[in-house]
Amino acid sequence: MTLRELKAAPKSRVVVDLDGYGKVLLQEFMGDVYAVSNKCPHLGLSMQGKTELLSAKVNDDCSIVCPAHGSTFDMKTGAAKGEWCPNLPTLPVVGKPFAGEPKGIATYAVTVDESSGAISIA
């Protein structure tokens, strides 16, 4: 994949399958390329699915939001940000069932070859 191809993709985003790592979401954002696991650490649901409804949102602060539960992750560090699973319902006495403790999302180092634009994920 090249930077030009990534920028041309819808939302400047593609999901690639990396041997040994599974599916990784590549996102171009403000001139930089980020790579995060395509599985939300909460329940393993896709960050980027096949429909708009199952499509992660990218915030201006370089964070990505799980489309299912609303958990937000820093694309640079993978750290969970803000409220954990805000889209889960809160039940009386029980609270938010199955929310668990906040977890970060896996991130991967990315390099872009200056001459060819080829993207490499470490």
PDB file of N, CA and C in Angstrom:
ATOM      1  N   MET A   1       0.850  -1.168   0.000  1.00  0.00           N
ATOM      2  CA  MET A   1       0.000   0.000   0.000  1.00  0.00           C
ATOM      3  C   MET A   1       0.897   1.232   0.000  1.00  0.00           C
ATOM      4  N   THR A   2       0.469   2.244  -0.757  1.00  0.00           N
ATOM      5  CA  THR A   2       1.208   3.499  -0.774  1.00  0.00           C
ATOM      6  C   THR A   2       0.386   4.586  -0.097  1.00  0.00           C
ATOM      7  N   LEU A   3       1.058   5.662   0.259  1.00  0.00           N
ATOM      8  CA  LEU A   3       0.382   6.789   0.884  1.00  0.00           C
ATOM      9  C   LEU A   3      -0.675   7.354  -0.060  1.00  0.00           C
ATOM     10  N   ARG A   4      -0.385   7.408  -1.330  1.00  0.00           N
ATOM     11  CA  ARG A   4      -1.353   7.907  -2.317  1.00  0.00           C
ATOM     12  C   ARG A   4      -2.617   7.032  -2.321  1.00  0.00           C
ATOM     13  N   GLU A   5      -2.444   5.717  -2.291  1.00  0.00           N
ATOM     14  CA  GLU A   5      -3.595   4.802  -2.268  1.00  0.00           C
ATOM     15  C   GLU A   5      -4.403   4.965  -0.983  1.00  0.00           C
ATOM     16  N   LEU A   6      -3.697   5.134   0.140  1.00  0.00           N
ATOM     17  CA  LEU A   6      -4.389   5.304   1.417  1.00  0.00           C
ATOM     18  C   LEU A   6      -5.208   6.588   1.420  1.00  0.00           C
ATOM     19  N   LYS A   7      -4.624   7.676   0.939  1.00  0.00           N
ATOM     20  CA  LYS A   7      -5.346   8.950   0.901  1.00  0.00           C
ATOM     21  C   LYS A   7      -6.563   8.886  -0.017  1.00  0.00           C
ATOM     22  N   ALA A   8      -6.494   8.056  -1.059  1.00  0.00           N
ATOM     23  CA  ALA A   8      -7.606   7.926  -2.011  1.00  0.00           C
ATOM     24  C   ALA A   8      -8.726   7.032  -1.492  1.00  0.00           C
ATOM     25  N   ALA A   9      -8.450   6.237  -0.465  1.00  0.00           N
ATOM     26  CA  ALA A   9      -9.453   5.322   0.100  1.00  0.00           C
ATOM     27  C   ALA A   9     -10.513   6.129   0.856  1.00  0.00           C
ATOM     28  N   PRO A  10     -11.742   5.592   0.947  1.00  0.00           N
ATOM     29  CA  PRO A  10     -12.770   6.282   1.738  1.00  0.00           C
ATOM     30  C   PRO A  10     -12.276   6.550   3.164  1.00  0.00           C
ATOM     31  N   LYS A  11     -12.447   7.798   3.600  1.00  0.00           N
ATOM     32  CA  LYS A  11     -12.011   8.245   4.930  1.00  0.00           C
ATOM     33  C   LYS A  11     -10.507   8.106   5.134  1.00  0.00           C
ATOM     34  N   SER A  12      -9.742   7.957   4.046  1.00  0.00           N
ATOM     35  CA  SER A  12      -8.276   7.764   4.119  1.00  0.00           C
ATOM     36  C   SER A  12      -7.942   6.622   5.065  1.00  0.00           C
ATOM     37  N   ARG A  13      -8.695   5.510   4.912  1.00  0.00           N
ATOM     38  CA  ARG A  13      -8.597   4.387   5.847  1.00  0.00           C
ATOM     39  C   ARG A  13      -8.720   3.074   5.092  1.00  0.00           C
ATOM     40  N   VAL A  14      -7.872   2.102   5.466  1.00  0.00           N
ATOM     41  CA  VAL A  14      -7.997   0.735   4.941  1.00  0.00           C
ATOM     42  C   VAL A  14      -7.687  -0.241   6.067  1.00  0.00           C
ATOM     43  N   VAL A  15      -8.209  -1.438   5.932  1.00  0.00           N
ATOM     44  CA  VAL A  15      -7.896  -2.517   6.865  1.00  0.00           C
ATOM     45  C   VAL A  15      -7.057  -3.523   6.096  1.00  0.00           C
ATOM     46  N   VAL A  16      -5.896  -3.856   6.663  1.00  0.00           N
ATOM     47  CA  VAL A  16      -4.999  -4.824   6.038  1.00  0.00           C
ATOM     48  C   VAL A  16      -4.821  -6.002   6.983  1.00  0.00           C
ATOM     49  N   ASP A  17      -4.516  -7.155   6.415  1.00  0.00           N
ATOM     50  CA  ASP A  17      -4.295  -8.360   7.221  1.00  0.00           C
ATOM     51  C   ASP A  17      -2.794  -8.597   7.301  1.00  0.00           C
ATOM     52  N   LEU A  18      -2.239  -8.508   8.507  1.00  0.00           N
ATOM     53  CA  LEU A  18      -0.806  -8.709   8.714  1.00  0.00           C
ATOM     54  C   LEU A  18      -0.567 -10.087   9.308  1.00  0.00           C
ATOM     55  N   ASP A  19       0.288 -10.847   8.679  1.00  0.00           N
ATOM     56  CA  ASP A  19       0.621 -12.176   9.186  1.00  0.00           C
ATOM     57  C   ASP A  19       1.067 -12.079  10.638  1.00  0.00           C
ATOM     58  N   GLY A  20       0.457 -12.861  11.489  1.00  0.00           N
ATOM     59  CA  GLY A  20       0.824 -12.910  12.895  1.00  0.00           C
ATOM     60  C   GLY A  20       0.183 -11.846  13.760  1.00  0.00           C
ATOM     61  N   TYR A  21      -0.416 -10.823  13.158  1.00  0.00           N
ATOM     62  CA  TYR A  21      -1.014  -9.737  13.932  1.00  0.00           C
ATOM     63  C   TYR A  21      -2.512  -9.605  13.697  1.00  0.00           C
ATOM     64  N   GLY A  22      -3.017 -10.201  12.643  1.00  0.00           N
ATOM     65  CA  GLY A  22      -4.430 -10.068  12.317  1.00  0.00           C
ATOM     66  C   GLY A  22      -4.698  -8.806  11.535  1.00  0.00           C
ATOM     67  N   LYS A  23      -5.923  -8.305  11.654  1.00  0.00           N
ATOM     68  CA  LYS A  23      -6.333  -7.141  10.883  1.00  0.00           C
ATOM     69  C   LYS A  23      -5.926  -5.854  11.576  1.00  0.00           C
ATOM     70  N   VAL A  24      -5.307  -4.984  10.772  1.00  0.00           N
ATOM     71  CA  VAL A  24      -4.797  -3.708  11.265  1.00  0.00           C
ATOM     72  C   VAL A  24      -5.449  -2.591  10.452  1.00  0.00           C
ATOM     73  N   LEU A  25      -5.910  -1.567  11.143  1.00  0.00           N
ATOM     74  CA  LEU A  25      -6.522  -0.420  10.507  1.00  0.00           C
ATOM     75  C   LEU A  25      -5.442   0.622  10.242  1.00  0.00           C
ATOM     76  N   LEU A  26      -5.267   0.999   8.981  1.00  0.00           N
ATOM     77  CA  LEU A  26      -4.344   2.077   8.600  1.00  0.00           C
ATOM     78  C   LEU A  26      -5.167   3.338   8.400  1.00  0.00           C
ATOM     79  N   GLN A  27      -4.737   4.433   9.007  1.00  0.00           N
ATOM     80  CA  GLN A  27      -5.474   5.689   8.917  1.00  0.00           C
ATOM     81  C   GLN A  27      -4.507   6.826   8.624  1.00  0.00           C
ATOM     82  N   GLU A  28      -4.761   7.562   7.533  1.00  0.00           N
ATOM     83  CA  GLU A  28      -4.013   8.794   7.286  1.00  0.00           C
ATOM     84  C   GLU A  28      -4.781   9.909   7.977  1.00  0.00           C
ATOM     85  N   PHE A  29      -4.070  10.711   8.763  1.00  0.00           N
ATOM     86  CA  PHE A  29      -4.716  11.802   9.494  1.00  0.00           C
ATOM     87  C   PHE A  29      -3.760  12.977   9.570  1.00  0.00           C
ATOM     88  N   MET A  30      -4.143  14.076   8.980  1.00  0.00           N
ATOM     89  CA  MET A  30      -3.361  15.314   8.997  1.00  0.00           C
ATOM     90  C   MET A  30      -1.906  15.090   8.566  1.00  0.00           C
ATOM     91  N   GLY A  31      -1.720  14.299   7.521  1.00  0.00           N
ATOM     92  CA  GLY A  31      -0.396  14.092   6.947  1.00  0.00           C
ATOM     93  C   GLY A  31       0.404  12.961   7.546  1.00  0.00           C
ATOM     94  N   ASP A  32      -0.082  12.357   8.613  1.00  0.00           N
ATOM     95  CA  ASP A  32       0.615  11.233   9.230  1.00  0.00           C
ATOM     96  C   ASP A  32      -0.190   9.953   9.030  1.00  0.00           C
ATOM     97  N   VAL A  33       0.491   8.808   9.121  1.00  0.00           N
ATOM     98  CA  VAL A  33      -0.174   7.512   8.977  1.00  0.00           C
ATOM     99  C   VAL A  33      -0.090   6.777  10.309  1.00  0.00           C
ATOM    100  N   TYR A  34      -1.218   6.253  10.749  1.00  0.00           N
ATOM    101  CA  TYR A  34      -1.298   5.519  12.005  1.00  0.00           C
ATOM    102  C   TYR A  34      -1.789   4.104  11.726  1.00  0.00           C
ATOM    103  N   ALA A  35      -1.367   3.170  12.553  1.00  0.00           N
ATOM    104  CA  ALA A  35      -1.818   1.783  12.440  1.00  0.00           C
ATOM    105  C   ALA A  35      -2.250   1.320  13.827  1.00  0.00           C
ATOM    106  N   VAL A  36      -3.500   0.873  13.915  1.00  0.00           N
ATOM    107  CA  VAL A  36      -4.046   0.343  15.172  1.00  0.00           C
ATOM    108  C   VAL A  36      -4.743  -0.983  14.871  1.00  0.00           C
ATOM    109  N   SER A  37      -4.907  -1.779  15.881  1.00  0.00           N
ATOM    110  CA  SER A  37      -5.645  -3.030  15.713  1.00  0.00           C
ATOM    111  C   SER A  37      -7.052  -2.706  15.214  1.00  0.00           C
ATOM    112  N   ASN A  38      -7.578  -3.548  14.340  1.00  0.00           N
ATOM    113  CA  ASN A  38      -8.949  -3.338  13.895  1.00  0.00           C
ATOM    114  C   ASN A  38      -9.953  -3.951  14.865  1.00  0.00           C
ATOM    115  N   LYS A  39      -9.472  -4.456  16.003  1.00  0.00           N
ATOM    116  CA  LYS A  39     -10.357  -5.018  17.026  1.00  0.00           C
ATOM    117  C   LYS A  39     -10.376  -4.111  18.246  1.00  0.00           C
ATOM    118  N   CYS A  40     -11.573  -3.674  18.615  1.00  0.00           N
ATOM    119  CA  CYS A  40     -11.717  -2.911  19.850  1.00  0.00           C
ATOM    120  C   CYS A  40     -11.332  -3.830  21.009  1.00  0.00           C
ATOM    121  N   PRO A  41     -10.532  -3.365  21.954  1.00  0.00           N
ATOM    122  CA  PRO A  41     -10.117  -4.234  23.058  1.00  0.00           C
ATOM    123  C   PRO A  41     -11.243  -4.591  24.026  1.00  0.00           C
ATOM    124  N   HIS A  42     -12.400  -3.944  23.906  1.00  0.00           N
ATOM    125  CA  HIS A  42     -13.502  -4.255  24.814  1.00  0.00           C
ATOM    126  C   HIS A  42     -14.062  -5.642  24.540  1.00  0.00           C
ATOM    127  N   LEU A  43     -14.590  -5.874  23.334  1.00  0.00           N
ATOM    128  CA  LEU A  43     -15.165  -7.182  22.998  1.00  0.00           C
ATOM    129  C   LEU A  43     -14.623  -7.745  21.684  1.00  0.00           C
ATOM    130  N   GLY A  44     -13.626  -7.098  21.111  1.00  0.00           N
ATOM    131  CA  GLY A  44     -13.032  -7.600  19.878  1.00  0.00           C
ATOM    132  C   GLY A  44     -13.832  -7.288  18.625  1.00  0.00           C
ATOM    133  N   LEU A  45     -14.782  -6.368  18.714  1.00  0.00           N
ATOM    134  CA  LEU A  45     -15.552  -5.981  17.536  1.00  0.00           C
ATOM    135  C   LEU A  45     -14.703  -5.099  16.627  1.00  0.00           C
ATOM    136  N   SER A  46     -15.016  -5.097  15.337  1.00  0.00           N
ATOM    137  CA  SER A  46     -14.234  -4.337  14.365  1.00  0.00           C
ATOM    138  C   SER A  46     -14.350  -2.832  14.598  1.00  0.00           C
ATOM    139  N   MET A  47     -13.217  -2.165  14.503  1.00  0.00           N
ATOM    140  CA  MET A  47     -13.208  -0.705  14.532  1.00  0.00           C
ATOM    141  C   MET A  47     -13.713  -0.166  13.199  1.00  0.00           C
ATOM    142  N   GLN A  48     -13.380  -0.866  12.120  1.00  0.00           N
ATOM    143  CA  GLN A  48     -13.840  -0.494  10.788  1.00  0.00           C
ATOM    144  C   GLN A  48     -14.527  -1.693  10.161  1.00  0.00           C
ATOM    145  N   GLY A  49     -15.837  -1.621  10.088  1.00  0.00           N
ATOM    146  CA  GLY A  49     -16.604  -2.701   9.487  1.00  0.00           C
ATOM    147  C   GLY A  49     -16.897  -2.420   8.026  1.00  0.00           C
ATOM    148  N   LYS A  50     -17.855  -3.141   7.490  1.00  0.00           N
ATOM    149  CA  LYS A  50     -18.161  -3.043   6.064  1.00  0.00           C
ATOM    150  C   LYS A  50     -19.212  -1.999   5.735  1.00  0.00           C
ATOM    151  N   THR A  51     -19.855  -1.422   6.743  1.00  0.00           N
ATOM    152  CA  THR A  51     -20.887  -0.414   6.491  1.00  0.00           C
ATOM    153  C   THR A  51     -20.555   0.874   7.235  1.00  0.00           C
ATOM    154  N   GLU A  52     -21.229   1.952   6.865  1.00  0.00           N
ATOM    155  CA  GLU A  52     -21.031   3.249   7.519  1.00  0.00           C
ATOM    156  C   GLU A  52     -21.391   3.175   9.007  1.00  0.00           C
ATOM    157  N   LEU A  53     -22.411   2.407   9.341  1.00  0.00           N
ATOM    158  CA  LEU A  53     -22.826   2.251  10.729  1.00  0.00           C
ATOM    159  C   LEU A  53     -21.716   1.633  11.580  1.00  0.00           C
ATOM    160  N   LEU A  54     -20.917   0.768  10.981  1.00  0.00           N
ATOM    161  CA  LEU A  54     -19.825   0.099  11.693  1.00  0.00           C
ATOM    162  C   LEU A  54     -18.471   0.716  11.352  1.00  0.00           C
ATOM    163  N   SER A  55     -18.465   2.020  11.165  1.00  0.00           N
ATOM    164  CA  SER A  55     -17.261   2.734  10.771  1.00  0.00           C
ATOM    165  C   SER A  55     -16.788   3.646  11.898  1.00  0.00           C
ATOM    166  N   ALA A  56     -15.543   3.449  12.330  1.00  0.00           N
ATOM    167  CA  ALA A  56     -14.970   4.263  13.397  1.00  0.00           C
ATOM    168  C   ALA A  56     -14.943   5.734  12.993  1.00  0.00           C
ATOM    169  N   LYS A  57     -14.980   6.583  13.986  1.00  0.00           N
ATOM    170  CA  LYS A  57     -14.882   8.030  13.782  1.00  0.00           C
ATOM    171  C   LYS A  57     -13.508   8.475  14.246  1.00  0.00           C
ATOM    172  N   VAL A  58     -12.909   9.411  13.523  1.00  0.00           N
ATOM    173  CA  VAL A  58     -11.631   9.983  13.934  1.00  0.00           C
ATOM    174  C   VAL A  58     -11.890  11.406  14.411  1.00  0.00           C
ATOM    175  N   ASN A  59     -11.385  11.714  15.616  1.00  0.00           N
ATOM    176  CA  ASN A  59     -11.553  13.044  16.203  1.00  0.00           C
ATOM    177  C   ASN A  59     -10.372  13.938  15.862  1.00  0.00           C
ATOM    178  N   ASP A  60     -10.571  15.241  16.010  1.00  0.00           N
ATOM    179  CA  ASP A  60      -9.523  16.215  15.716  1.00  0.00           C
ATOM    180  C   ASP A  60      -8.294  16.074  16.608  1.00  0.00           C
ATOM    181  N   ASP A  61      -8.415  15.381  17.744  1.00  0.00           N
ATOM    182  CA  ASP A  61      -7.289  15.233  18.664  1.00  0.00           C
ATOM    183  C   ASP A  61      -6.482  13.957  18.384  1.00  0.00           C
ATOM    184  N   CYS A  62      -6.623  13.401  17.170  1.00  0.00           N
ATOM    185  CA  CYS A  62      -5.880  12.204  16.749  1.00  0.00           C
ATOM    186  C   CYS A  62      -6.303  10.973  17.544  1.00  0.00           C
ATOM    187  N   SER A  63      -7.603  10.890  17.797  1.00  0.00           N
ATOM    188  CA  SER A  63      -8.137   9.708  18.469  1.00  0.00           C
ATOM    189  C   SER A  63      -9.177   9.060  17.558  1.00  0.00           C
ATOM    190  N   ILE A  64      -9.410   7.773  17.813  1.00  0.00           N
ATOM    191  CA  ILE A  64     -10.361   7.005  17.021  1.00  0.00           C
ATOM    192  C   ILE A  64     -11.402   6.422  17.968  1.00  0.00           C
ATOM    193  N   VAL A  65     -12.661   6.395  17.522  1.00  0.00           N
ATOM    194  CA  VAL A  65     -13.784   6.002  18.377  1.00  0.00           C
ATOM    195  C   VAL A  65     -14.394   4.705  17.864  1.00  0.00           C
ATOM    196  N   CYS A  66     -14.536   3.725  18.754  1.00  0.00           N
ATOM    197  CA  CYS A  66     -15.171   2.459  18.421  1.00  0.00           C
ATOM    198  C   CYS A  66     -16.625   2.722  18.036  1.00  0.00           C
ATOM    199  N   PRO A  67     -17.062   2.224  16.872  1.00  0.00           N
ATOM    200  CA  PRO A  67     -18.436   2.480  16.452  1.00  0.00           C
ATOM    201  C   PRO A  67     -19.481   1.743  17.286  1.00  0.00           C
ATOM    202  N   ALA A  68     -19.101   0.680  17.951  1.00  0.00           N
ATOM    203  CA  ALA A  68     -20.068  -0.107  18.724  1.00  0.00           C
ATOM    204  C   ALA A  68     -20.283   0.447  20.129  1.00  0.00           C
ATOM    205  N   HIS A  69     -19.206   0.702  20.849  1.00  0.00           N
ATOM    206  CA  HIS A  69     -19.331   1.067  22.271  1.00  0.00           C
ATOM    207  C   HIS A  69     -18.982   2.520  22.568  1.00  0.00           C
ATOM    208  N   GLY A  70     -18.374   3.209  21.600  1.00  0.00           N
ATOM    209  CA  GLY A  70     -18.040   4.614  21.791  1.00  0.00           C
ATOM    210  C   GLY A  70     -16.763   4.869  22.552  1.00  0.00           C
ATOM    211  N   SER A  71     -16.002   3.828  22.871  1.00  0.00           N
ATOM    212  CA  SER A  71     -14.725   4.036  23.551  1.00  0.00           C
ATOM    213  C   SER A  71     -13.762   4.729  22.592  1.00  0.00           C
ATOM    214  N   THR A  72     -12.945   5.620  23.135  1.00  0.00           N
ATOM    215  CA  THR A  72     -12.029   6.430  22.337  1.00  0.00           C
ATOM    216  C   THR A  72     -10.590   6.047  22.657  1.00  0.00           C
ATOM    217  N   PHE A  73      -9.751   5.999  21.611  1.00  0.00           N
ATOM    218  CA  PHE A  73      -8.348   5.595  21.761  1.00  0.00           C
ATOM    219  C   PHE A  73      -7.442   6.578  21.035  1.00  0.00           C
ATOM    220  N   ASP A  74      -6.344   6.931  21.681  1.00  0.00           N
ATOM    221  CA  ASP A  74      -5.320   7.766  21.069  1.00  0.00           C
ATOM    222  C   ASP A  74      -4.629   6.947  19.982  1.00  0.00           C
ATOM    223  N   MET A  75      -4.609   7.431  18.741  1.00  0.00           N
ATOM    224  CA  MET A  75      -3.994   6.661  17.660  1.00  0.00           C
ATOM    225  C   MET A  75      -2.469   6.621  17.756  1.00  0.00           C
ATOM    226  N   LYS A  76      -1.867   7.542  18.502  1.00  0.00           N
ATOM    227  CA  LYS A  76      -0.407   7.549  18.662  1.00  0.00           C
ATOM    228  C   LYS A  76       0.043   6.530  19.701  1.00  0.00           C
ATOM    229  N   THR A  77      -0.667   6.477  20.834  1.00  0.00           N
ATOM    230  CA  THR A  77      -0.226   5.639  21.950  1.00  0.00           C
ATOM    231  C   THR A  77      -1.101   4.411  22.171  1.00  0.00           C
ATOM    232  N   GLY A  78      -2.326   4.445  21.685  1.00  0.00           N
ATOM    233  CA  GLY A  78      -3.279   3.362  21.920  1.00  0.00           C
ATOM    234  C   GLY A  78      -4.043   3.486  23.219  1.00  0.00           C
ATOM    235  N   ALA A  79      -3.708   4.474  24.031  1.00  0.00           N
ATOM    236  CA  ALA A  79      -4.348   4.634  25.344  1.00  0.00           C
ATOM    237  C   ALA A  79      -5.833   4.960  25.204  1.00  0.00           C
ATOM    238  N   ALA A  80      -6.626   4.374  26.102  1.00  0.00           N
ATOM    239  CA  ALA A  80      -8.055   4.700  26.166  1.00  0.00           C
ATOM    240  C   ALA A  80      -8.191   6.123  26.688  1.00  0.00           C
ATOM    241  N   LYS A  81      -9.141   6.876  26.130  1.00  0.00           N
ATOM    242  CA  LYS A  81      -9.351   8.268  26.525  1.00  0.00           C
ATOM    243  C   LYS A  81     -10.814   8.471  26.901  1.00  0.00           C
ATOM    244  N   GLY A  82     -11.069   9.280  27.879  1.00  0.00           N
ATOM    245  CA  GLY A  82     -12.439   9.629  28.234  1.00  0.00           C
ATOM    246  C   GLY A  82     -13.206   8.470  28.840  1.00  0.00           C
ATOM    247  N   GLU A  83     -14.529   8.556  28.743  1.00  0.00           N
ATOM    248  CA  GLU A  83     -15.399   7.544  29.335  1.00  0.00           C
ATOM    249  C   GLU A  83     -15.270   6.217  28.604  1.00  0.00           C
ATOM    250  N   TRP A  84     -15.174   5.132  29.346  1.00  0.00           N
ATOM    251  CA  TRP A  84     -15.072   3.789  28.790  1.00  0.00           C
ATOM    252  C   TRP A  84     -16.465   3.281  28.434  1.00  0.00           C
ATOM    253  N   CYS A  85     -16.667   2.877  27.208  1.00  0.00           N
ATOM    254  CA  CYS A  85     -17.928   2.302  26.707  1.00  0.00           C
ATOM    255  C   CYS A  85     -19.136   3.196  26.977  1.00  0.00           C
ATOM    256  N   PRO A  86     -19.100   4.465  26.558  1.00  0.00           N
ATOM    257  CA  PRO A  86     -20.232   5.350  26.842  1.00  0.00           C
ATOM    258  C   PRO A  86     -21.522   4.961  26.128  1.00  0.00           C
ATOM    259  N   ASN A  87     -21.444   4.152  25.086  1.00  0.00           N
ATOM    260  CA  ASN A  87     -22.659   3.754  24.367  1.00  0.00           C
ATOM    261  C   ASN A  87     -23.370   2.556  24.984  1.00  0.00           C
ATOM    262  N   LEU A  88     -22.765   1.933  26.005  1.00  0.00           N
ATOM    263  CA  LEU A  88     -23.448   0.837  26.687  1.00  0.00           C
ATOM    264  C   LEU A  88     -24.483   1.416  27.643  1.00  0.00           C
ATOM    265  N   PRO A  89     -25.641   0.770  27.762  1.00  0.00           N
ATOM    266  CA  PRO A  89     -26.669   1.295  28.674  1.00  0.00           C
ATOM    267  C   PRO A  89     -26.247   1.148  30.139  1.00  0.00           C
ATOM    268  N   THR A  90     -26.660   2.092  30.941  1.00  0.00           N
ATOM    269  CA  THR A  90     -26.435   2.021  32.382  1.00  0.00           C
ATOM    270  C   THR A  90     -27.713   1.474  33.020  1.00  0.00           C
ATOM    271  N   LEU A  91     -27.568   0.423  33.798  1.00  0.00           N
ATOM    272  CA  LEU A  91     -28.714  -0.198  34.454  1.00  0.00           C
ATOM    273  C   LEU A  91     -28.708   0.141  35.946  1.00  0.00           C
ATOM    274  N   PRO A  92     -29.885   0.292  36.551  1.00  0.00           N
ATOM    275  CA  PRO A  92     -29.938   0.575  37.986  1.00  0.00           C
ATOM    276  C   PRO A  92     -29.205  -0.506  38.786  1.00  0.00           C
ATOM    277  N   VAL A  93     -28.477  -0.102  39.776  1.00  0.00           N
ATOM    278  CA  VAL A  93     -27.720  -0.951  40.700  1.00  0.00           C
ATOM    279  C   VAL A  93     -26.541  -1.643  40.004  1.00  0.00           C
ATOM    280  N   VAL A  94     -26.758  -2.223  38.843  1.00  0.00           N
ATOM    281  CA  VAL A  94     -25.728  -2.992  38.146  1.00  0.00           C
ATOM    282  C   VAL A  94     -24.702  -2.089  37.471  1.00  0.00           C
ATOM    283  N   GLY A  95     -25.131  -0.947  36.962  1.00  0.00           N
ATOM    284  CA  GLY A  95     -24.241  -0.061  36.222  1.00  0.00           C
ATOM    285  C   GLY A  95     -24.201  -0.459  34.757  1.00  0.00           C
ATOM    286  N   LYS A  96     -23.007  -0.458  34.184  1.00  0.00           N
ATOM    287  CA  LYS A  96     -22.843  -0.836  32.783  1.00  0.00           C
ATOM    288  C   LYS A  96     -22.359  -2.274  32.728  1.00  0.00           C
ATOM    289  N   PRO A  97     -23.258  -3.204  32.446  1.00  0.00           N
ATOM    290  CA  PRO A  97     -22.837  -4.600  32.400  1.00  0.00           C
ATOM    291  C   PRO A  97     -21.850  -4.831  31.268  1.00  0.00           C
ATOM    292  N   PHE A  98     -20.899  -5.674  31.505  1.00  0.00           N
ATOM    293  CA  PHE A  98     -19.910  -6.089  30.517  1.00  0.00           C
ATOM    294  C   PHE A  98     -18.943  -4.997  30.080  1.00  0.00           C
ATOM    295  N   ALA A  99     -18.940  -3.853  30.739  1.00  0.00           N
ATOM    296  CA  ALA A  99     -18.025  -2.787  30.333  1.00  0.00           C
ATOM    297  C   ALA A  99     -16.586  -3.146  30.687  1.00  0.00           C
ATOM    298  N   GLY A 100     -16.380  -3.703  31.875  1.00  0.00           N
ATOM    299  CA  GLY A 100     -15.027  -4.046  32.289  1.00  0.00           C
ATOM    300  C   GLY A 100     -14.171  -2.805  32.508  1.00  0.00           C
ATOM    301  N   GLU A 101     -12.889  -3.042  32.655  1.00  0.00           N
ATOM    302  CA  GLU A 101     -11.939  -1.956  32.882  1.00  0.00           C
ATOM    303  C   GLU A 101     -11.417  -1.433  31.548  1.00  0.00           C
ATOM    304  N   PRO A 102     -11.111  -0.133  31.480  1.00  0.00           N
ATOM    305  CA  PRO A 102     -10.563   0.425  30.245  1.00  0.00           C
ATOM    306  C   PRO A 102      -9.261  -0.274  29.835  1.00  0.00           C
ATOM    307  N   LYS A 103      -9.130  -0.520  28.541  1.00  0.00           N
ATOM    308  CA  LYS A 103      -7.930  -1.130  27.975  1.00  0.00           C
ATOM    309  C   LYS A 103      -7.523  -0.326  26.761  1.00  0.00           C
ATOM    310  N   GLY A 104      -6.242  -0.277  26.515  1.00  0.00           N
ATOM    311  CA  GLY A 104      -5.744   0.403  25.320  1.00  0.00           C
ATOM    312  C   GLY A 104      -5.860  -0.489  24.097  1.00  0.00           C
ATOM    313  N   ILE A 105      -5.755   0.117  22.940  1.00  0.00           N
ATOM    314  CA  ILE A 105      -5.787  -0.610  21.674  1.00  0.00           C
ATOM    315  C   ILE A 105      -4.351  -0.767  21.173  1.00  0.00           C
ATOM    316  N   ALA A 106      -4.048  -1.882  20.542  1.00  0.00           N
ATOM    317  CA  ALA A 106      -2.700  -2.112  20.026  1.00  0.00           C
ATOM    318  C   ALA A 106      -2.388  -1.123  18.907  1.00  0.00           C
ATOM    319  N   THR A 107      -1.195  -0.560  18.954  1.00  0.00           N
ATOM    320  CA  THR A 107      -0.716   0.335  17.898  1.00  0.00           C
ATOM    321  C   THR A 107       0.553  -0.253  17.303  1.00  0.00           C
ATOM    322  N   TYR A 108       0.857   0.157  16.080  1.00  0.00           N
ATOM    323  CA  TYR A 108       2.029  -0.362  15.372  1.00  0.00           C
ATOM    324  C   TYR A 108       2.792   0.799  14.760  1.00  0.00           C
ATOM    325  N   ALA A 109       4.116   0.695  14.775  1.00  0.00           N
ATOM    326  CA  ALA A 109       4.960   1.731  14.182  1.00  0.00           C
ATOM    327  C   ALA A 109       4.803   1.698  12.665  1.00  0.00           C
ATOM    328  N   VAL A 110       4.714   2.879  12.073  1.00  0.00           N
ATOM    329  CA  VAL A 110       4.520   3.008  10.632  1.00  0.00           C
ATOM    330  C   VAL A 110       5.627   3.872  10.053  1.00  0.00           C
ATOM    331  N   THR A 111       6.153   3.453   8.908  1.00  0.00           N
ATOM    332  CA  THR A 111       7.080   4.296   8.164  1.00  0.00           C
ATOM    333  C   THR A 111       6.566   4.428   6.743  1.00  0.00           C
ATOM    334  N   VAL A 112       6.832   5.580   6.152  1.00  0.00           N
ATOM    335  CA  VAL A 112       6.444   5.839   4.772  1.00  0.00           C
ATOM    336  C   VAL A 112       7.701   6.193   3.997  1.00  0.00           C
ATOM    337  N   ASP A 113       8.000   5.425   2.962  1.00  0.00           N
ATOM    338  CA  ASP A 113       9.169   5.685   2.126  1.00  0.00           C
ATOM    339  C   ASP A 113       8.963   7.014   1.396  1.00  0.00           C
ATOM    340  N   GLU A 114       9.923   7.920   1.543  1.00  0.00           N
ATOM    341  CA  GLU A 114       9.768   9.269   0.976  1.00  0.00           C
ATOM    342  C   GLU A 114       9.688   9.268  -0.544  1.00  0.00           C
ATOM    343  N   SER A 115      10.429   8.378  -1.199  1.00  0.00           N
ATOM    344  CA  SER A 115      10.436   8.393  -2.664  1.00  0.00           C
ATOM    345  C   SER A 115       9.263   7.657  -3.285  1.00  0.00           C
ATOM    346  N   SER A 116       8.909   6.495  -2.758  1.00  0.00           N
ATOM    347  CA  SER A 116       7.845   5.692  -3.371  1.00  0.00           C
ATOM    348  C   SER A 116       6.488   5.877  -2.688  1.00  0.00           C
ATOM    349  N   GLY A 117       6.491   6.348  -1.441  1.00  0.00           N
ATOM    350  CA  GLY A 117       5.252   6.451  -0.680  1.00  0.00           C
ATOM    351  C   GLY A 117       4.789   5.135  -0.088  1.00  0.00           C
ATOM    352  N   ALA A 118       5.615   4.067  -0.220  1.00  0.00           N
ATOM    353  CA  ALA A 118       5.254   2.758   0.299  1.00  0.00           C
ATOM    354  C   ALA A 118       5.147   2.809   1.824  1.00  0.00           C
ATOM    355  N   ILE A 119       4.081   2.205   2.351  1.00  0.00           N
ATOM    356  CA  ILE A 119       3.844   2.196   3.790  1.00  0.00           C
ATOM    357  C   ILE A 119       4.315   0.862   4.352  1.00  0.00           C
ATOM    358  N   SER A 120       5.098   0.928   5.430  1.00  0.00           N
ATOM    359  CA  SER A 120       5.553  -0.276   6.127  1.00  0.00           C
ATOM    360  C   SER A 120       5.078  -0.230   7.562  1.00  0.00           C
ATOM    361  N   ILE A 121       4.657  -1.378   8.068  1.00  0.00           N
ATOM    362  CA  ILE A 121       4.201  -1.466   9.456  1.00  0.00           C
ATOM    363  C   ILE A 121       5.155  -2.390  10.196  1.00  0.00           C
ATOM    364  N   ALA A 122       5.685  -1.904  11.321  1.00  0.00           N
ATOM    365  CA  ALA A 122       6.621  -2.713  12.102  1.00  0.00           C
ATOM    366  C   ALA A 122       5.883  -3.471  13.174  1.00  0.00           C
TER     367      ALA A 122
END
